[in-house]
Amino acid sequence: MNMSFCYFSRLKLKFAHNKNNIITLAAYTVLSLLLTYPVAFSPEKIPGYGGDSYQFIWFFWWFQKSLFSHLNPFFTSLIYYPSGVSLVFSTITPFNSILSVPLQLFFGLIPANNLIWLLTFIISGFGGYLLVRYLTGNEKAAFISGLIFSFSPYHFAHALGHMNLISIQWIPFYIMYLIKTFREKNIKNAFTAGIFLLLTAACDYYYLLYLCIFTLLFLAFSLWTDSANVLRADTIKRFFIMGITFLIAFSPLLYLLITEMVRSGTAYMYTGG
């Protein structure tokens, strides 16, 4: 009897959470459309002031062209012709570029760019909401936190032309599952944290570096406040799984990065850079 009651209680709680998630995601979508007006209603106009925006649109175009032409998307001879140049260390944002390919096929290049641009606001707000709700259990505080994170001056400032830097949406998801990996014994959290770290890295290398620093600080703080839990074999195992998941998934791009660093003397990269 007690087991049945607990099961239905968990089921009810899960349903309530899912319902809240849908409503909250819809709310962030509407707010994103309003607070970034008129981007959603001007599908053929590029958000921002131009400048670097054209570079990112070119990256999206090149990614689609190279994939359908069976070319390496991380190298092009259309720049610095005829020797060409590596794009590995450029701000090609592989996640956004890959996502743009099917969107370009259905909507066109500029609308695909604008849709990805809008999604960074919607998903960032939702991610901030989920993180704070997990930490506090307070729906209102979580919703406000998502607003602050998604519609911050930093996000809007880089929305003028830096697709890589507005792609902050996976950061709160990684932090949430990092904390879950430490607190909970479910191995799935470790895998999920590794994947969200990969998504962050595939958007921008800066944010990968920042999250690595954050992870070290989090582990240092946890070691100081709860050393017994940090040093448990199962905790170490979960963090190991998280790291291995990220490294395996990131290895193709990591190989390209290391290769480019080794041969940087023959490309646009130089030792001082």
C-alpha atoms as a PDB file:
ATOM      1  CA  MET A   1       0.000   0.000   0.000  1.00  0.00           C
ATOM      2  CA  ASN A   2       2.754   2.421   0.994  1.00  0.00           C
ATOM      3  CA  MET A   3       4.775   1.482  -2.095  1.00  0.00           C
ATOM      4  CA  SER A   4       1.778   2.174  -4.355  1.00  0.00           C
ATOM      5  CA  PHE A   5       1.181   5.522  -2.667  1.00  0.00           C
ATOM      6  CA  CYS A   6       4.855   6.512  -3.100  1.00  0.00           C
ATOM      7  CA  TYR A   7       4.793   5.461  -6.755  1.00  0.00           C
ATOM      8  CA  PHE A   8       1.692   7.502  -7.554  1.00  0.00           C
ATOM      9  CA  SER A   9       3.049  10.445  -5.580  1.00  0.00           C
ATOM     10  CA  ARG A  10       6.234  10.415  -7.672  1.00  0.00           C
ATOM     11  CA  LEU A  11       4.161  10.043 -10.840  1.00  0.00           C
ATOM     12  CA  LYS A  12       1.998  13.011  -9.835  1.00  0.00           C
ATOM     13  CA  LEU A  13       5.067  15.111  -9.039  1.00  0.00           C
ATOM     14  CA  LYS A  14       6.660  14.200 -12.382  1.00  0.00           C
ATOM     15  CA  PHE A  15       3.475  15.148 -14.248  1.00  0.00           C
ATOM     16  CA  ALA A  16       3.329  18.472 -12.415  1.00  0.00           C
ATOM     17  CA  HIS A  17       6.980  19.170 -13.272  1.00  0.00           C
ATOM     18  CA  ASN A  18       6.414  18.308 -16.942  1.00  0.00           C
ATOM     19  CA  LYS A  19       3.355  20.552 -17.057  1.00  0.00           C
ATOM     20  CA  ASN A  20       5.318  23.409 -15.455  1.00  0.00           C
ATOM     21  CA  ASN A  21       8.184  22.828 -17.892  1.00  0.00           C
ATOM     22  CA  ILE A  22       5.894  23.156 -20.916  1.00  0.00           C
ATOM     23  CA  ILE A  23       4.236  26.305 -19.572  1.00  0.00           C
ATOM     24  CA  THR A  24       7.589  27.835 -18.632  1.00  0.00           C
ATOM     25  CA  LEU A  25       9.163  27.021 -21.986  1.00  0.00           C
ATOM     26  CA  ALA A  26       6.170  28.617 -23.729  1.00  0.00           C
ATOM     27  CA  ALA A  27       6.526  31.702 -21.518  1.00  0.00           C
ATOM     28  CA  TYR A  28      10.227  32.093 -22.361  1.00  0.00           C
ATOM     29  CA  THR A  29       9.376  31.654 -26.051  1.00  0.00           C
ATOM     30  CA  VAL A  30       6.798  34.440 -25.973  1.00  0.00           C
ATOM     31  CA  LEU A  31       9.101  36.716 -23.965  1.00  0.00           C
ATOM     32  CA  SER A  32      11.982  36.032 -26.353  1.00  0.00           C
ATOM     33  CA  LEU A  33       9.822  36.984 -29.326  1.00  0.00           C
ATOM     34  CA  LEU A  34       8.722  40.195 -27.604  1.00  0.00           C
ATOM     35  CA  LEU A  35      12.039  41.293 -26.090  1.00  0.00           C
ATOM     36  CA  THR A  36      13.975  40.661 -29.320  1.00  0.00           C
ATOM     37  CA  TYR A  37      11.301  42.254 -31.542  1.00  0.00           C
ATOM     38  CA  PRO A  38      11.322  42.521 -34.556  1.00  0.00           C
ATOM     39  CA  VAL A  39      13.754  39.644 -35.244  1.00  0.00           C
ATOM     40  CA  ALA A  40      11.105  36.899 -35.320  1.00  0.00           C
ATOM     41  CA  PHE A  41       8.940  38.994 -37.629  1.00  0.00           C
ATOM     42  CA  SER A  42      11.756  39.944 -40.023  1.00  0.00           C
ATOM     43  CA  PRO A  43      13.031  36.547 -41.218  1.00  0.00           C
ATOM     44  CA  GLU A  44      15.126  37.997 -44.062  1.00  0.00           C
ATOM     45  CA  LYS A  45      16.864  40.657 -41.955  1.00  0.00           C
ATOM     46  CA  ILE A  46      20.024  39.899 -40.003  1.00  0.00           C
ATOM     47  CA  PRO A  47      19.854  40.739 -36.257  1.00  0.00           C
ATOM     48  CA  GLY A  48      22.409  43.205 -34.991  1.00  0.00           C
ATOM     49  CA  TYR A  49      24.637  45.714 -36.707  1.00  0.00           C
ATOM     50  CA  GLY A  50      26.118  43.462 -39.405  1.00  0.00           C
ATOM     51  CA  GLY A  51      29.873  43.177 -38.880  1.00  0.00           C
ATOM     52  CA  ASP A  52      30.682  39.713 -37.546  1.00  0.00           C
ATOM     53  CA  SER A  53      27.115  38.579 -38.276  1.00  0.00           C
ATOM     54  CA  TYR A  54      28.099  38.182 -41.923  1.00  0.00           C
ATOM     55  CA  GLN A  55      30.971  35.922 -40.922  1.00  0.00           C
ATOM     56  CA  PHE A  56      28.690  33.564 -39.007  1.00  0.00           C
ATOM     57  CA  ILE A  57      26.206  33.471 -41.867  1.00  0.00           C
ATOM     58  CA  TRP A  58      29.095  32.585 -44.162  1.00  0.00           C
ATOM     59  CA  PHE A  59      30.105  29.803 -41.772  1.00  0.00           C
ATOM     60  CA  PHE A  60      26.569  28.379 -41.908  1.00  0.00           C
ATOM     61  CA  TRP A  61      26.549  28.594 -45.700  1.00  0.00           C
ATOM     62  CA  TRP A  62      29.985  26.993 -45.958  1.00  0.00           C
ATOM     63  CA  PHE A  63      29.088  24.161 -43.577  1.00  0.00           C
ATOM     64  CA  GLN A  64      26.104  23.182 -45.683  1.00  0.00           C
ATOM     65  CA  LYS A  65      27.998  23.530 -48.968  1.00  0.00           C
ATOM     66  CA  SER A  66      30.983  21.504 -47.745  1.00  0.00           C
ATOM     67  CA  LEU A  67      28.872  18.668 -46.345  1.00  0.00           C
ATOM     68  CA  PHE A  68      26.829  18.302 -49.525  1.00  0.00           C
ATOM     69  CA  SER A  69      29.995  18.571 -51.629  1.00  0.00           C
ATOM     70  CA  HIS A  70      31.815  15.959 -49.473  1.00  0.00           C
ATOM     71  CA  LEU A  71      34.432  18.506 -48.372  1.00  0.00           C
ATOM     72  CA  ASN A  72      36.046  19.112 -44.990  1.00  0.00           C
ATOM     73  CA  PRO A  73      33.924  21.846 -43.330  1.00  0.00           C
ATOM     74  CA  PHE A  74      36.892  22.821 -41.152  1.00  0.00           C
ATOM     75  CA  PHE A  75      39.059  23.785 -44.131  1.00  0.00           C
ATOM     76  CA  THR A  76      38.354  26.062 -47.068  1.00  0.00           C
ATOM     77  CA  SER A  77      40.264  27.295 -50.091  1.00  0.00           C
ATOM     78  CA  LEU A  78      37.726  30.086 -50.645  1.00  0.00           C
ATOM     79  CA  ILE A  79      39.766  32.173 -48.193  1.00  0.00           C
ATOM     80  CA  TYR A  80      43.529  32.751 -48.700  1.00  0.00           C
ATOM     81  CA  TYR A  81      43.183  31.182 -52.122  1.00  0.00           C
ATOM     82  CA  PRO A  82      44.861  29.082 -53.449  1.00  0.00           C
ATOM     83  CA  SER A  83      46.531  27.676 -50.316  1.00  0.00           C
ATOM     84  CA  GLY A  84      43.356  27.833 -48.231  1.00  0.00           C
ATOM     85  CA  VAL A  85      43.011  28.020 -44.480  1.00  0.00           C
ATOM     86  CA  SER A  86      41.940  25.918 -41.506  1.00  0.00           C
ATOM     87  CA  LEU A  87      38.728  26.955 -39.762  1.00  0.00           C
ATOM     88  CA  VAL A  88      39.268  24.780 -36.670  1.00  0.00           C
ATOM     89  CA  PHE A  89      40.286  27.692 -34.431  1.00  0.00           C
ATOM     90  CA  SER A  90      37.817  30.091 -36.000  1.00  0.00           C
ATOM     91  CA  THR A  91      34.430  30.860 -34.472  1.00  0.00           C
ATOM     92  CA  ILE A  92      32.681  28.383 -36.756  1.00  0.00           C
ATOM     93  CA  THR A  93      30.584  27.150 -33.782  1.00  0.00           C
ATOM     94  CA  PRO A  94      30.153  23.524 -34.961  1.00  0.00           C
ATOM     95  CA  PHE A  95      26.903  22.925 -33.045  1.00  0.00           C
ATOM     96  CA  ASN A  96      25.186  25.961 -34.544  1.00  0.00           C
ATOM     97  CA  SER A  97      26.627  25.259 -37.985  1.00  0.00           C
ATOM     98  CA  ILE A  98      25.387  21.652 -37.960  1.00  0.00           C
ATOM     99  CA  LEU A  99      21.976  22.757 -36.673  1.00  0.00           C
ATOM    100  CA  SER A 100      21.786  25.333 -39.450  1.00  0.00           C
ATOM    101  CA  VAL A 101      22.058  22.731 -42.242  1.00  0.00           C
ATOM    102  CA  PRO A 102      18.523  21.258 -42.011  1.00  0.00           C
ATOM    103  CA  LEU A 103      17.123  24.690 -41.125  1.00  0.00           C
ATOM    104  CA  GLN A 104      18.696  26.149 -44.271  1.00  0.00           C
ATOM    105  CA  LEU A 105      17.097  23.423 -46.369  1.00  0.00           C
ATOM    106  CA  PHE A 106      13.629  24.189 -44.990  1.00  0.00           C
ATOM    107  CA  PHE A 107      13.725  27.954 -44.403  1.00  0.00           C
ATOM    108  CA  GLY A 108      16.763  29.424 -46.143  1.00  0.00           C
ATOM    109  CA  LEU A 109      20.053  30.822 -44.872  1.00  0.00           C
ATOM    110  CA  ILE A 110      19.023  34.058 -43.128  1.00  0.00           C
ATOM    111  CA  PRO A 111      15.876  32.618 -41.465  1.00  0.00           C
ATOM    112  CA  ALA A 112      17.988  29.671 -40.232  1.00  0.00           C
ATOM    113  CA  ASN A 113      20.471  32.101 -38.691  1.00  0.00           C
ATOM    114  CA  ASN A 114      17.670  34.088 -37.039  1.00  0.00           C
ATOM    115  CA  LEU A 115      15.987  30.976 -35.665  1.00  0.00           C
ATOM    116  CA  ILE A 116      19.220  29.736 -34.062  1.00  0.00           C
ATOM    117  CA  TRP A 117      19.756  33.257 -32.714  1.00  0.00           C
ATOM    118  CA  LEU A 118      16.293  33.230 -31.085  1.00  0.00           C
ATOM    119  CA  LEU A 119      16.758  29.732 -29.680  1.00  0.00           C
ATOM    120  CA  THR A 120      19.735  30.920 -27.642  1.00  0.00           C
ATOM    121  CA  PHE A 121      17.367  33.195 -25.695  1.00  0.00           C
ATOM    122  CA  ILE A 122      14.594  30.635 -25.270  1.00  0.00           C
ATOM    123  CA  ILE A 123      16.822  27.741 -24.196  1.00  0.00           C
ATOM    124  CA  SER A 124      19.029  29.942 -21.985  1.00  0.00           C
ATOM    125  CA  GLY A 125      15.996  31.104 -20.022  1.00  0.00           C
ATOM    126  CA  PHE A 126      14.662  27.580 -19.668  1.00  0.00           C
ATOM    127  CA  GLY A 127      18.073  26.233 -18.617  1.00  0.00           C
ATOM    128  CA  GLY A 128      18.480  28.940 -15.982  1.00  0.00           C
ATOM    129  CA  TYR A 129      14.990  28.154 -14.714  1.00  0.00           C
ATOM    130  CA  LEU A 130      15.699  24.400 -14.401  1.00  0.00           C
ATOM    131  CA  LEU A 131      19.010  24.983 -12.602  1.00  0.00           C
ATOM    132  CA  VAL A 132      17.592  27.338  -9.965  1.00  0.00           C
ATOM    133  CA  ARG A 133      14.457  25.231  -9.501  1.00  0.00           C
ATOM    134  CA  TYR A 134      16.670  22.214  -8.837  1.00  0.00           C
ATOM    135  CA  LEU A 135      18.778  24.161  -6.327  1.00  0.00           C
ATOM    136  CA  THR A 136      15.968  25.962  -4.507  1.00  0.00           C
ATOM    137  CA  GLY A 137      12.682  24.219  -5.321  1.00  0.00           C
ATOM    138  CA  ASN A 138      11.168  27.677  -5.780  1.00  0.00           C
ATOM    139  CA  GLU A 139       9.283  28.109  -9.075  1.00  0.00           C
ATOM    140  CA  LYS A 140       9.094  31.921  -8.920  1.00  0.00           C
ATOM    141  CA  ALA A 141      12.762  32.363  -8.066  1.00  0.00           C
ATOM    142  CA  ALA A 142      13.656  29.922 -10.833  1.00  0.00           C
ATOM    143  CA  PHE A 143      11.586  31.768 -13.440  1.00  0.00           C
ATOM    144  CA  ILE A 144      13.076  35.139 -12.502  1.00  0.00           C
ATOM    145  CA  SER A 145      16.568  33.657 -12.567  1.00  0.00           C
ATOM    146  CA  GLY A 146      15.967  32.338 -16.074  1.00  0.00           C
ATOM    147  CA  LEU A 147      14.900  35.836 -17.153  1.00  0.00           C
ATOM    148  CA  ILE A 148      18.019  37.410 -15.646  1.00  0.00           C
ATOM    149  CA  PHE A 149      20.317  34.863 -17.284  1.00  0.00           C
ATOM    150  CA  SER A 150      18.736  34.873 -20.738  1.00  0.00           C
ATOM    151  CA  PHE A 151      18.017  38.590 -21.097  1.00  0.00           C
ATOM    152  CA  SER A 152      21.165  39.870 -19.412  1.00  0.00           C
ATOM    153  CA  PRO A 153      23.050  42.864 -20.886  1.00  0.00           C
ATOM    154  CA  TYR A 154      25.905  40.488 -21.773  1.00  0.00           C
ATOM    155  CA  HIS A 155      23.612  38.310 -23.894  1.00  0.00           C
ATOM    156  CA  PHE A 156      22.017  41.267 -25.657  1.00  0.00           C
ATOM    157  CA  ALA A 157      25.364  42.983 -26.247  1.00  0.00           C
ATOM    158  CA  HIS A 158      26.794  39.990 -28.090  1.00  0.00           C
ATOM    159  CA  ALA A 159      23.483  39.405 -29.860  1.00  0.00           C
ATOM    160  CA  LEU A 160      24.537  42.320 -32.065  1.00  0.00           C
ATOM    161  CA  GLY A 161      26.881  40.068 -34.002  1.00  0.00           C
ATOM    162  CA  HIS A 162      28.588  37.231 -32.104  1.00  0.00           C
ATOM    163  CA  MET A 163      26.753  33.942 -32.622  1.00  0.00           C
ATOM    164  CA  ASN A 164      29.405  32.047 -30.669  1.00  0.00           C
ATOM    165  CA  LEU A 165      29.173  34.276 -27.595  1.00  0.00           C
ATOM    166  CA  ILE A 166      25.367  34.368 -27.420  1.00  0.00           C
ATOM    167  CA  SER A 167      25.345  30.553 -27.343  1.00  0.00           C
ATOM    168  CA  ILE A 168      25.242  30.427 -23.548  1.00  0.00           C
ATOM    169  CA  GLN A 169      22.214  28.114 -23.471  1.00  0.00           C
ATOM    170  CA  TRP A 170      23.954  24.872 -22.485  1.00  0.00           C
ATOM    171  CA  ILE A 171      25.912  26.338 -19.537  1.00  0.00           C
ATOM    172  CA  PRO A 172      23.131  26.066 -16.876  1.00  0.00           C
ATOM    173  CA  PHE A 173      22.283  22.536 -18.079  1.00  0.00           C
ATOM    174  CA  TYR A 174      25.893  21.421 -17.575  1.00  0.00           C
ATOM    175  CA  ILE A 175      26.102  23.034 -14.137  1.00  0.00           C
ATOM    176  CA  MET A 176      22.834  21.402 -13.062  1.00  0.00           C
ATOM    177  CA  TYR A 177      23.944  17.926 -14.127  1.00  0.00           C
ATOM    178  CA  LEU A 178      27.413  18.481 -12.684  1.00  0.00           C
ATOM    179  CA  ILE A 179      25.798  19.115  -9.294  1.00  0.00           C
ATOM    180  CA  LYS A 180      23.464  16.160  -9.812  1.00  0.00           C
ATOM    181  CA  THR A 181      26.469  13.967 -10.610  1.00  0.00           C
ATOM    182  CA  PHE A 182      27.933  14.910  -7.238  1.00  0.00           C
ATOM    183  CA  ARG A 183      24.728  14.711  -5.199  1.00  0.00           C
ATOM    184  CA  GLU A 184      22.904  11.758  -6.755  1.00  0.00           C
ATOM    185  CA  LYS A 185      23.985   8.198  -7.502  1.00  0.00           C
ATOM    186  CA  ASN A 186      22.320   7.968 -10.909  1.00  0.00           C
ATOM    187  CA  ILE A 187      24.996   7.291 -13.565  1.00  0.00           C
ATOM    188  CA  LYS A 188      22.796   8.945 -16.224  1.00  0.00           C
ATOM    189  CA  ASN A 189      23.574  12.337 -14.683  1.00  0.00           C
ATOM    190  CA  ALA A 190      27.275  11.837 -15.397  1.00  0.00           C
ATOM    191  CA  PHE A 191      26.634  10.953 -19.051  1.00  0.00           C
ATOM    192  CA  THR A 192      24.264  13.907 -19.415  1.00  0.00           C
ATOM    193  CA  ALA A 193      26.759  16.349 -17.870  1.00  0.00           C
ATOM    194  CA  GLY A 194      29.409  15.143 -20.326  1.00  0.00           C
ATOM    195  CA  ILE A 195      27.062  15.713 -23.276  1.00  0.00           C
ATOM    196  CA  PHE A 196      26.111  19.225 -22.154  1.00  0.00           C
ATOM    197  CA  LEU A 197      29.803  20.058 -21.726  1.00  0.00           C
ATOM    198  CA  LEU A 198      30.300  18.854 -25.319  1.00  0.00           C
ATOM    199  CA  LEU A 199      27.438  21.044 -26.566  1.00  0.00           C
ATOM    200  CA  THR A 200      28.973  24.040 -24.799  1.00  0.00           C
ATOM    201  CA  ALA A 201      32.382  23.320 -26.339  1.00  0.00           C
ATOM    202  CA  ALA A 202      30.812  22.926 -29.785  1.00  0.00           C
ATOM    203  CA  CYS A 203      29.348  26.425 -29.434  1.00  0.00           C
ATOM    204  CA  ASP A 204      32.397  28.247 -28.120  1.00  0.00           C
ATOM    205  CA  TYR A 205      35.834  27.229 -26.807  1.00  0.00           C
ATOM    206  CA  TYR A 206      35.852  30.115 -24.308  1.00  0.00           C
ATOM    207  CA  TYR A 207      32.864  28.661 -22.499  1.00  0.00           C
ATOM    208  CA  LEU A 208      34.507  25.228 -22.407  1.00  0.00           C
ATOM    209  CA  LEU A 209      37.486  26.806 -20.648  1.00  0.00           C
ATOM    210  CA  TYR A 210      35.224  28.700 -18.226  1.00  0.00           C
ATOM    211  CA  LEU A 211      33.276  25.538 -17.346  1.00  0.00           C
ATOM    212  CA  CYS A 212      36.495  23.611 -16.773  1.00  0.00           C
ATOM    213  CA  ILE A 213      37.556  26.316 -14.311  1.00  0.00           C
ATOM    214  CA  PHE A 214      34.091  26.254 -12.726  1.00  0.00           C
ATOM    215  CA  THR A 215      34.270  22.454 -12.376  1.00  0.00           C
ATOM    216  CA  LEU A 216      37.636  22.654 -10.615  1.00  0.00           C
ATOM    217  CA  LEU A 217      36.314  25.318  -8.245  1.00  0.00           C
ATOM    218  CA  PHE A 218      33.178  23.271  -7.601  1.00  0.00           C
ATOM    219  CA  LEU A 219      35.262  20.176  -6.793  1.00  0.00           C
ATOM    220  CA  ALA A 220      37.585  22.193  -4.556  1.00  0.00           C
ATOM    221  CA  PHE A 221      34.612  23.669  -2.675  1.00  0.00           C
ATOM    222  CA  SER A 222      32.967  20.237  -2.386  1.00  0.00           C
ATOM    223  CA  LEU A 223      36.225  18.750  -1.103  1.00  0.00           C
ATOM    224  CA  TRP A 224      36.363  21.479   1.533  1.00  0.00           C
ATOM    225  CA  THR A 225      32.721  21.160   2.641  1.00  0.00           C
ATOM    226  CA  ASP A 226      31.971  17.475   2.000  1.00  0.00           C
ATOM    227  CA  SER A 227      35.265  15.644   1.537  1.00  0.00           C
ATOM    228  CA  ALA A 228      33.802  12.282   2.598  1.00  0.00           C
ATOM    229  CA  ASN A 229      31.384  12.314  -0.332  1.00  0.00           C
ATOM    230  CA  VAL A 230      33.958  13.573  -2.860  1.00  0.00           C
ATOM    231  CA  LEU A 231      36.415  10.794  -1.977  1.00  0.00           C
ATOM    232  CA  ARG A 232      33.847   7.990  -2.164  1.00  0.00           C
ATOM    233  CA  ALA A 233      34.607   5.428  -4.873  1.00  0.00           C
ATOM    234  CA  ASP A 234      31.178   5.765  -6.510  1.00  0.00           C
ATOM    235  CA  THR A 235      31.474   9.582  -6.627  1.00  0.00           C
ATOM    236  CA  ILE A 236      34.901   9.358  -8.261  1.00  0.00           C
ATOM    237  CA  LYS A 237      33.469   6.821 -10.709  1.00  0.00           C
ATOM    238  CA  ARG A 238      30.641   9.152 -11.720  1.00  0.00           C
ATOM    239  CA  PHE A 239      33.002  12.066 -12.339  1.00  0.00           C
ATOM    240  CA  PHE A 240      35.299   9.758 -14.306  1.00  0.00           C
ATOM    241  CA  ILE A 241      32.349   8.699 -16.482  1.00  0.00           C
ATOM    242  CA  MET A 242      31.438  12.342 -17.023  1.00  0.00           C
ATOM    243  CA  GLY A 243      34.982  13.200 -18.137  1.00  0.00           C
ATOM    244  CA  ILE A 244      35.340  10.158 -20.383  1.00  0.00           C
ATOM    245  CA  THR A 245      31.950  10.823 -21.997  1.00  0.00           C
ATOM    246  CA  PHE A 246      33.035  14.353 -22.875  1.00  0.00           C
ATOM    247  CA  LEU A 247      36.503  13.364 -24.102  1.00  0.00           C
ATOM    248  CA  ILE A 248      35.217  10.576 -26.349  1.00  0.00           C
ATOM    249  CA  ALA A 249      32.506  12.771 -27.848  1.00  0.00           C
ATOM    250  CA  PHE A 250      34.866  15.749 -28.218  1.00  0.00           C
ATOM    251  CA  SER A 251      37.819  13.693 -29.537  1.00  0.00           C
ATOM    252  CA  PRO A 252      37.211  14.296 -33.289  1.00  0.00           C
ATOM    253  CA  LEU A 253      37.261  18.058 -32.777  1.00  0.00           C
ATOM    254  CA  LEU A 254      40.108  17.789 -30.258  1.00  0.00           C
ATOM    255  CA  TYR A 255      42.156  15.892 -32.845  1.00  0.00           C
ATOM    256  CA  LEU A 256      41.623  18.691 -35.376  1.00  0.00           C
ATOM    257  CA  LEU A 257      42.570  21.332 -32.786  1.00  0.00           C
ATOM    258  CA  ILE A 258      45.781  19.551 -31.775  1.00  0.00           C
ATOM    259  CA  THR A 259      46.715  18.876 -35.398  1.00  0.00           C
ATOM    260  CA  GLU A 260      46.244  22.533 -36.271  1.00  0.00           C
ATOM    261  CA  MET A 261      48.355  23.619 -33.290  1.00  0.00           C
ATOM    262  CA  VAL A 262      51.182  21.291 -34.367  1.00  0.00           C
ATOM    263  CA  ARG A 263      51.179  22.528 -37.964  1.00  0.00           C
ATOM    264  CA  SER A 264      50.268  26.132 -37.162  1.00  0.00           C
ATOM    265  CA  GLY A 265      53.409  27.419 -38.915  1.00  0.00           C
ATOM    266  CA  THR A 266      51.864  26.637 -42.290  1.00  0.00           C
ATOM    267  CA  ALA A 267      48.433  28.128 -41.623  1.00  0.00           C
ATOM    268  CA  TYR A 268      47.000  31.448 -40.422  1.00  0.00           C
ATOM    269  CA  MET A 269      47.799  30.460 -36.827  1.00  0.00           C
ATOM    270  CA  TYR A 270      51.149  31.606 -35.502  1.00  0.00           C
ATOM    271  CA  THR A 271      53.139  30.798 -32.394  1.00  0.00           C
ATOM    272  CA  GLY A 272      52.349  34.069 -30.620  1.00  0.00           C
ATOM    273  CA  GLY A 273      48.625  33.671 -31.286  1.00  0.00           C
END
